[in-house]
Protein backbone atom coordinates (compact mmCIF):
# COMPACT_ATOMS: atom_id res chain seq x y z
CA MET A 1 0.10 -0.09 0.41
CA PHE A 2 3.00 2.29 1.04
CA GLU A 3 5.22 1.46 -1.37
CA ASN A 4 5.46 4.40 -3.30
CA PHE A 5 5.51 6.34 -0.71
CA PHE A 6 8.95 4.99 1.46
CA SER A 7 12.33 6.29 0.42
CA GLN A 8 14.71 4.41 -1.93
CA ARG A 9 16.91 4.65 1.48
CA ILE A 10 14.87 2.98 3.97
CA LYS A 11 13.84 0.38 1.33
CA ASN A 12 17.57 -0.85 1.21
CA THR A 13 18.33 -0.98 4.63
CA PRO A 14 17.72 -4.04 6.00
CA SER A 15 16.40 -4.76 9.30
CA SER A 16 18.34 -5.78 12.38
CA PHE A 17 18.95 -9.19 12.43
CA ILE A 18 19.74 -9.53 16.11
CA ARG A 19 16.21 -7.32 16.75
CA GLU A 20 14.46 -9.94 14.71
CA ILE A 21 16.16 -12.72 16.62
CA LEU A 22 15.32 -11.10 19.98
CA LYS A 23 11.87 -11.57 19.17
CA VAL A 24 11.87 -15.10 18.81
CA THR A 25 13.60 -15.14 22.08
CA GLN A 26 11.32 -13.34 24.47
CA LYS A 27 9.91 -17.04 25.28
CA PRO A 28 10.67 -18.14 28.75
CA GLU A 29 12.24 -21.64 27.64
CA ILE A 30 15.05 -20.07 25.12
CA ILE A 31 18.25 -19.93 25.97
CA SER A 32 19.35 -16.99 24.30
CA PHE A 33 23.09 -16.33 23.18
CA ALA A 34 21.93 -13.69 20.56
CA GLY A 35 22.15 -10.32 22.19
CA GLY A 36 24.83 -8.36 23.45
CA LEU A 37 23.20 -7.93 26.64
CA PRO A 38 24.99 -6.80 30.06
CA ASN A 39 24.13 -8.49 32.42
CA PRO A 40 21.84 -7.22 34.69
CA ILE A 41 23.22 -7.83 38.20
CA SER A 42 26.27 -6.45 37.17
CA PHE A 43 24.28 -2.64 37.00
CA PRO A 44 24.79 -0.69 40.68
CA GLN A 45 21.21 -0.23 41.40
CA GLU A 46 21.02 0.46 44.87
CA GLU A 47 24.13 3.32 43.86
CA LEU A 48 22.05 4.72 41.33
CA LYS A 49 19.35 5.19 43.24
CA ILE A 50 20.91 7.18 45.59
CA SER A 51 22.34 9.54 42.62
CA MET A 52 18.39 10.28 41.11
CA ASN A 53 17.72 11.73 44.63
CA ARG A 54 21.01 13.47 45.16
CA ILE A 55 20.14 15.15 41.68
CA ALA A 56 16.82 15.46 42.36
CA ASP A 57 17.55 17.67 45.60
CA LYS A 58 20.48 19.73 43.95
CA TYR A 59 19.92 20.19 40.62
CA GLY A 60 15.23 20.93 41.02
CA ASP A 61 14.00 21.64 37.45
CA LYS A 62 17.35 21.12 35.40
CA ILE A 63 16.99 17.77 35.35
CA TYR A 64 13.59 17.93 33.57
CA GLN A 65 14.22 20.86 30.89
CA TYR A 66 15.93 20.76 27.71
CA SER A 67 19.64 21.53 27.58
CA THR A 68 22.72 21.80 25.18
CA THR A 69 23.38 19.33 22.47
CA LEU A 70 26.90 19.04 23.08
CA GLY A 71 26.05 17.43 26.63
CA LEU A 72 26.23 17.81 30.49
CA ASP A 73 29.23 19.91 31.20
CA SER A 74 30.26 17.56 34.10
CA LEU A 75 30.00 14.52 32.54
CA ARG A 76 32.16 15.56 29.42
CA GLN A 77 34.86 16.33 32.04
CA TYR A 78 34.79 13.28 33.32
CA ILE A 79 35.43 11.77 29.92
CA VAL A 80 38.16 14.01 29.37
CA ASP A 81 39.58 13.36 32.84
CA ARG A 82 39.35 9.38 32.49
CA TYR A 83 41.17 9.61 28.74
CA LYS A 84 43.87 11.72 30.11
CA LYS A 85 44.46 9.78 33.11
CA ILE A 86 44.36 6.03 31.44
CA TRP A 87 45.79 6.90 27.75
CA ASN A 88 47.24 10.88 28.41
CA MET A 89 44.97 12.01 25.81
CA GLN A 90 46.03 15.25 24.78
CA ILE A 91 42.07 16.47 24.31
CA SER A 92 39.56 19.35 26.58
CA ILE A 93 36.02 19.13 26.56
CA ASP A 94 35.62 20.81 23.68
CA ASN A 95 36.51 17.53 21.89
CA VAL A 96 33.79 15.39 23.37
CA ILE A 97 30.16 15.51 22.28
CA ILE A 98 27.82 13.40 24.38
CA THR A 99 25.52 11.09 22.10
CA THR A 100 22.39 8.76 22.79
CA GLY A 101 24.35 5.57 22.66
CA SER A 102 26.74 4.37 20.22
CA GLN A 103 24.20 4.09 17.73
CA GLN A 104 23.62 7.57 17.27
CA ALA A 105 27.38 8.30 17.78
CA LEU A 106 27.00 6.17 14.24
CA ASP A 107 24.16 7.68 12.67
CA LEU A 108 25.86 10.68 13.29
CA ILE A 109 28.93 10.05 11.63
CA GLY A 110 27.46 8.50 8.62
CA LYS A 111 25.32 12.04 8.29
CA VAL A 112 28.24 14.51 8.32
CA PHE A 113 30.82 12.18 6.69
CA ILE A 114 29.13 9.77 4.14
CA ASN A 115 27.98 10.83 0.48
CA GLU A 116 26.15 8.31 -1.73
CA ASN A 117 28.39 5.59 -2.75
CA ASP A 118 31.41 6.79 -0.37
CA LYS A 119 33.61 3.86 0.25
CA VAL A 120 33.85 3.04 4.03
CA MET A 121 36.37 0.23 5.12
CA VAL A 122 34.99 -2.35 7.68
CA GLU A 123 36.71 -5.12 9.29
CA LYS A 124 35.56 -8.54 7.66
CA PRO A 125 33.39 -9.34 9.61
CA SER A 126 32.17 -6.09 11.28
CA TYR A 127 29.54 -4.79 13.76
CA LEU A 128 26.29 -5.46 12.01
CA GLY A 129 24.71 -1.81 14.21
CA LEU A 130 27.18 -0.11 11.76
CA LEU A 131 26.62 -1.67 8.46
CA GLN A 132 22.58 -0.72 9.24
CA SER A 133 23.02 2.58 9.65
CA PHE A 134 25.74 3.33 7.39
CA CYS A 135 23.36 1.55 4.72
CA LEU A 136 20.79 4.43 5.46
CA TYR A 137 23.31 6.54 3.84
CA SER A 138 23.99 4.67 0.89
CA ALA A 139 27.39 3.79 1.90
CA ASP A 140 29.77 1.57 -0.46
CA PHE A 141 31.34 -0.84 2.30
CA VAL A 142 34.99 -2.63 1.28
CA GLN A 143 35.85 -5.31 3.82
CA THR A 144 39.28 -6.43 4.70
CA LYS A 145 39.85 -9.76 6.72
CA LEU A 146 40.87 -10.12 10.73
CA ASN A 147 43.44 -11.98 11.98
CA ASP A 148 43.61 -13.32 15.26
CA ASP A 149 45.99 -10.37 15.94
CA GLY A 150 43.76 -7.98 14.21
CA LEU A 151 43.77 -6.48 10.37
CA ASP A 152 45.55 -8.42 7.64
CA ILE A 153 48.13 -5.85 6.79
CA GLU A 154 48.65 -6.98 2.98
CA GLU A 155 45.02 -6.81 2.43
CA LEU A 156 44.72 -3.91 4.25
CA LYS A 157 47.14 -2.36 2.01
CA LYS A 158 45.89 -3.69 -1.43
CA THR A 159 42.08 -2.16 0.30
CA LEU A 160 43.28 1.20 0.77
CA LYS A 161 45.32 1.27 -2.65
CA THR A 162 42.21 -0.13 -5.11
CA HIS A 163 39.45 1.81 -3.30
CA LYS A 164 40.96 4.83 -1.49
CA PRO A 165 38.04 4.97 1.51
CA LYS A 166 36.90 7.80 2.57
CA LEU A 167 36.47 6.58 6.42
CA ALA A 168 37.76 3.02 8.31
CA TYR A 169 35.60 1.49 11.19
CA LEU A 170 37.44 -0.45 13.35
CA ILE A 171 36.88 -1.86 17.11
CA PRO A 172 40.54 -3.07 18.14
CA ASN A 173 39.07 -4.00 21.58
CA PHE A 174 37.90 -7.39 21.90
CA GLN A 175 35.54 -6.82 18.63
CA ASN A 176 32.14 -7.41 17.87
CA PRO A 177 31.48 -10.08 16.76
CA THR A 178 34.78 -12.03 16.88
CA GLY A 179 35.93 -10.97 20.51
CA LEU A 180 39.55 -10.24 18.81
CA THR A 181 41.85 -7.67 19.88
CA TYR A 182 44.73 -6.49 18.12
CA SER A 183 48.09 -6.92 18.96
CA VAL A 184 50.48 -3.95 20.36
CA GLN A 185 52.57 -4.53 16.76
CA ASN A 186 49.25 -5.00 14.55
CA ARG A 187 48.46 -1.67 15.55
CA LYS A 188 51.60 -0.12 14.53
CA GLU A 189 51.68 -1.64 11.52
CA VAL A 190 47.92 -0.68 10.91
CA PHE A 191 48.80 2.98 11.65
CA GLU A 192 52.02 2.70 9.57
CA VAL A 193 49.74 1.94 6.61
CA ILE A 194 47.16 4.39 7.21
CA LYS A 195 48.99 7.73 8.63
CA ASP A 196 49.27 9.42 5.49
CA GLU A 197 45.73 8.29 3.73
CA ASP A 198 43.02 10.67 2.79
CA MET A 199 40.93 9.26 5.25
CA ILE A 200 39.16 9.07 8.51
CA LEU A 201 39.98 6.68 11.40
CA VAL A 202 36.98 5.50 13.92
CA GLN A 203 38.06 3.11 16.17
CA ASP A 204 34.83 2.20 18.69
CA ASP A 205 35.73 1.34 21.83
CA PRO A 206 32.63 -0.34 23.90
CA TYR A 207 34.57 -3.25 25.53
CA GLY A 208 38.02 -2.32 25.95
CA GLU A 209 37.04 -1.45 29.94
CA LEU A 210 36.31 -5.12 30.09
CA ARG A 211 39.85 -6.81 29.51
CA PHE A 212 40.26 -10.28 31.55
CA GLU A 213 44.00 -10.55 32.36
CA GLU A 214 45.60 -7.97 34.03
CA GLY A 215 48.20 -5.83 32.28
CA ASP A 216 48.31 -2.25 30.97
CA ARG A 217 45.54 -1.34 28.30
CA ILE A 218 46.73 -1.47 24.65
CA PRO A 219 46.86 1.85 23.01
CA TYR A 220 44.85 3.23 20.72
CA ILE A 221 45.97 3.06 16.78
CA GLY A 222 47.81 6.65 16.32
CA LEU A 223 46.79 7.80 19.72
CA ASN A 224 47.74 11.60 19.62
CA GLN A 225 49.25 11.06 16.28
CA THR A 226 46.59 12.38 13.89
CA GLU A 227 43.51 14.82 13.64
CA LYS A 228 41.25 12.70 11.52
CA ASN A 229 40.94 10.18 14.04
CA ILE A 230 37.17 9.52 16.05
CA TYR A 231 36.97 7.32 19.31
CA LEU A 232 33.62 6.11 20.28
CA GLY A 233 32.66 4.87 23.75
CA SER A 234 29.91 4.18 25.99
CA PHE A 235 28.71 3.44 29.51
CA SER A 236 26.45 0.88 28.43
CA LYS A 237 28.70 -1.66 29.13
CA ILE A 238 30.16 -0.28 32.55
CA VAL A 239 27.58 1.53 34.31
CA THR A 240 24.12 0.91 32.84
CA PRO A 241 22.46 0.31 29.29
CA GLY A 242 18.86 1.78 29.69
CA MET A 243 20.29 5.47 29.97
CA ARG A 244 21.57 5.16 26.10
CA LEU A 245 24.73 7.30 27.00
CA GLY A 246 27.38 7.09 24.69
CA TYR A 247 29.95 9.96 23.35
CA ILE A 248 32.53 10.89 20.44
CA ILE A 249 35.77 12.31 20.98
CA ALA A 250 36.94 14.14 18.53
CA ASN A 251 38.87 17.64 17.11
CA LYS A 252 36.72 20.62 17.22
CA GLU A 253 36.05 21.27 14.12
CA ILE A 254 34.26 17.44 13.22
CA ILE A 255 32.65 17.85 17.00
CA HIS A 256 31.06 21.25 15.54
CA MET A 257 29.33 19.61 12.76
CA LEU A 258 28.38 16.54 14.67
CA GLU A 259 26.88 19.03 17.00
CA THR A 260 24.39 20.41 14.33
CA ALA A 261 23.61 16.56 13.10
CA LYS A 262 22.63 16.09 16.24
CA GLN A 263 20.57 19.05 16.72
CA ALA A 264 18.82 18.25 13.68
CA SER A 265 18.44 14.48 15.35
CA ASP A 266 17.09 14.95 18.67
CA LEU A 267 18.37 18.50 20.62
CA HIS A 268 20.49 16.17 23.37
CA SER A 269 20.41 13.27 24.90
CA ASN A 270 18.41 12.22 27.54
CA ILE A 271 19.56 14.76 30.51
CA PHE A 272 18.08 12.97 33.44
CA GLY A 273 20.26 10.37 32.18
CA GLN A 274 23.56 12.43 32.10
CA TYR A 275 22.68 13.92 35.29
CA LEU A 276 22.61 10.84 37.08
CA ILE A 277 25.36 8.81 35.01
CA SER A 278 27.70 12.05 36.24
CA ASP A 279 26.48 11.67 39.64
CA TYR A 280 27.49 8.46 39.94
CA LEU A 281 30.97 8.12 38.00
CA TYR A 282 31.86 10.98 40.87
CA ASN A 283 30.30 9.35 43.85
CA ASN A 284 31.51 5.96 43.27
CA ASP A 285 34.54 4.32 42.17
CA LEU A 286 34.44 3.07 38.85
CA ASP A 287 37.28 0.80 38.51
CA LYS A 288 36.17 -0.92 41.45
CA HIS A 289 32.70 -1.51 39.61
CA ILE A 290 34.48 -2.48 36.53
CA GLU A 291 36.05 -4.76 38.18
CA LYS A 292 33.51 -6.92 39.59
CA ILE A 293 31.88 -6.67 36.26
CA LYS A 294 35.09 -8.63 34.61
CA LYS A 295 35.38 -11.12 37.30
CA LEU A 296 31.81 -11.90 36.36
CA TYR A 297 32.17 -12.00 33.21
CA LYS A 298 35.41 -14.06 33.09
CA THR A 299 33.49 -16.56 34.89
CA GLN A 300 30.94 -16.83 32.45
CA ALA A 301 33.24 -16.69 29.68
CA ASN A 302 34.80 -19.79 31.02
CA ALA A 303 31.68 -21.49 31.48
CA MET A 304 31.12 -21.06 27.80
CA VAL A 305 34.50 -22.33 26.74
CA GLY A 306 34.57 -25.19 29.21
CA ALA A 307 31.03 -26.25 28.09
CA MET A 308 32.40 -26.14 24.27
CA GLU A 309 35.20 -28.09 25.08
CA LYS A 310 33.09 -30.81 26.79
CA TYR A 311 30.16 -30.76 23.87
CA PHE A 312 31.42 -29.60 20.60
CA PRO A 313 32.73 -31.92 18.03
CA LYS A 314 36.42 -31.37 17.79
CA ASN A 315 36.23 -30.09 14.45
CA ILE A 316 34.45 -26.92 15.37
CA LYS A 317 36.87 -23.29 15.81
CA TYR A 318 36.07 -21.01 18.75
CA THR A 319 37.52 -17.69 20.30
CA ILE A 320 38.87 -17.85 24.04
CA PRO A 321 37.69 -14.65 25.17
CA LYS A 322 39.89 -12.71 27.14
CA GLY A 323 37.37 -9.84 27.75
CA GLY A 324 34.75 -8.05 26.21
CA MET A 325 31.01 -10.44 25.86
CA PHE A 326 31.80 -12.96 22.91
CA SER A 327 32.98 -15.90 21.28
CA TRP A 328 32.80 -16.45 17.77
CA VAL A 329 32.20 -19.91 16.51
CA THR A 330 33.71 -21.48 13.44
CA LEU A 331 31.82 -24.55 11.65
CA GLU A 332 33.35 -27.00 8.88
CA GLU A 333 33.47 -25.69 5.51
CA GLY A 334 30.41 -25.78 3.67
CA LYS A 335 27.72 -25.64 6.72
CA SER A 336 25.70 -23.03 7.24
CA SER A 337 24.87 -21.03 10.63
CA VAL A 338 21.62 -20.19 9.50
CA ASP A 339 20.74 -24.17 8.95
CA LEU A 340 21.93 -24.27 12.25
CA PHE A 341 20.06 -21.48 13.90
CA ASN A 342 17.23 -22.99 11.93
CA LYS A 343 17.64 -27.02 14.36
CA ALA A 344 18.79 -24.48 17.45
CA ILE A 345 15.63 -22.79 17.93
CA LYS A 346 13.89 -25.83 17.77
CA LYS A 347 15.91 -27.14 20.82
CA ASN A 348 14.99 -23.77 22.33
CA VAL A 349 18.58 -22.06 22.24
CA ALA A 350 19.31 -19.32 20.48
CA PHE A 351 22.52 -17.29 18.67
CA VAL A 352 23.84 -15.04 15.64
CA PRO A 353 24.36 -16.62 13.16
CA GLY A 354 27.41 -14.58 11.12
CA ASP A 355 25.47 -13.76 7.67
CA PRO A 356 24.73 -10.17 8.88
CA PHE A 357 28.07 -9.73 10.33
CA TYR A 358 28.97 -9.62 6.18
CA VAL A 359 28.67 -7.77 3.36
CA ASN A 360 26.56 -9.18 1.04
CA GLU A 361 27.56 -13.09 2.05
CA HIS A 362 25.04 -15.61 2.92
CA ASN A 363 24.83 -19.15 4.48
CA VAL A 364 28.32 -18.17 6.16
CA ASN A 365 29.88 -20.80 8.23
CA THR A 366 30.34 -18.61 11.65
CA LEU A 367 28.15 -17.63 14.51
CA ARG A 368 28.60 -15.16 17.67
CA LEU A 369 27.96 -16.45 20.94
CA ASN A 370 26.97 -14.12 23.73
CA TYR A 371 28.27 -15.11 27.05
CA THR A 372 27.44 -12.26 29.55
CA ASN A 373 23.59 -12.44 30.06
CA ALA A 374 23.36 -16.49 31.75
CA ASP A 375 24.73 -18.20 34.56
CA SER A 376 26.89 -20.94 34.42
CA GLU A 377 24.51 -23.52 34.71
CA THR A 378 22.13 -22.22 32.32
CA ILE A 379 25.10 -21.62 29.73
CA GLU A 380 26.34 -25.28 30.07
CA GLU A 381 22.91 -26.58 29.59
CA GLY A 382 22.58 -23.80 26.29
CA ILE A 383 25.95 -25.18 24.68
CA LYS A 384 24.59 -28.62 25.07
CA ARG A 385 21.68 -28.33 23.46
CA LEU A 386 23.59 -26.01 20.34
CA SER A 387 26.11 -29.23 20.20
CA GLU A 388 23.21 -31.41 19.86
CA ALA A 389 21.86 -29.27 16.44
CA LEU A 390 25.22 -29.21 15.75
CA LYS A 391 25.47 -32.93 15.10
CA GLU A 392 22.13 -32.71 13.14
CA ILE A 393 24.16 -30.73 10.59
């Protein structure tokens, strides 16, 4: 009925594969490894209640009123101080804009940078939310494959030489969907290849704080070495996702253009949530809280790996997480993870087939498992059910 009214842009954009799967997994009998959901027991609910009362008493009607597009100054300053402390990043409050989650950050970047058929380089596989978001702006995606230690350098060189992408989108830490992390050496090699390219580099880092092993964090690619770096961060994985608060760090000229785009989108992100998260951050030990999340997720990751070792056929490969929220499973060549999904859902277990993480590839032999939103016993039962489906294909 409305076919002639819809824009070509929206007709060319696929619906979110994960959102469609999550509709199926609402049944209580289904064990879901599909969504990238933080575990609710990691939310600092009592501390947030205290902050809610405090901001109501302290700020009154300000927490209910319209606010500035760039975001709450205290929250932006917290981000500046944290990045200076951790990375010695040379930024000020003018380099930060608050967004409605990382997903809006991607949408704003698409609005600001992408013209129809502009080349955008992404990892192979890449985050499906990015592919869906940039598809709205008719981006022409080119993929560079991932190895165990990061981007394939030789393929990266060929990609840049052949396609001359305008923008590159990378997830260097505990990548979604594979869970892989770029090594220090790989990051140096990537920067050497791209440093003279006329290209914007977007580094998305929603999982970087969730490193299970002790040791220093690995610096970003080209940290403080180029004005063309854009960094994305989020409070969803380390405080709470429901407030939908993320942020972009970039040079002032880019921030100004992003501010203009955001004014046209939503005027500003939820100001109540900004006051709440800011108060929580200034009155609690975030690092101590993150340590609790890491301990929880490491236990869950170990439970999943242990169950896969116990139940999976020996010819199935999977990544062993060192942080983040995902494990990436590779079936035998020629097998389809979509076929596996159709069998698994009948056994009341769900996951995300690999197809939506690739550009124009179908019936791939990979799939993503999330381990953060189930306890160890549930994880084992779910993997046991999945192994039964595996044997059928």
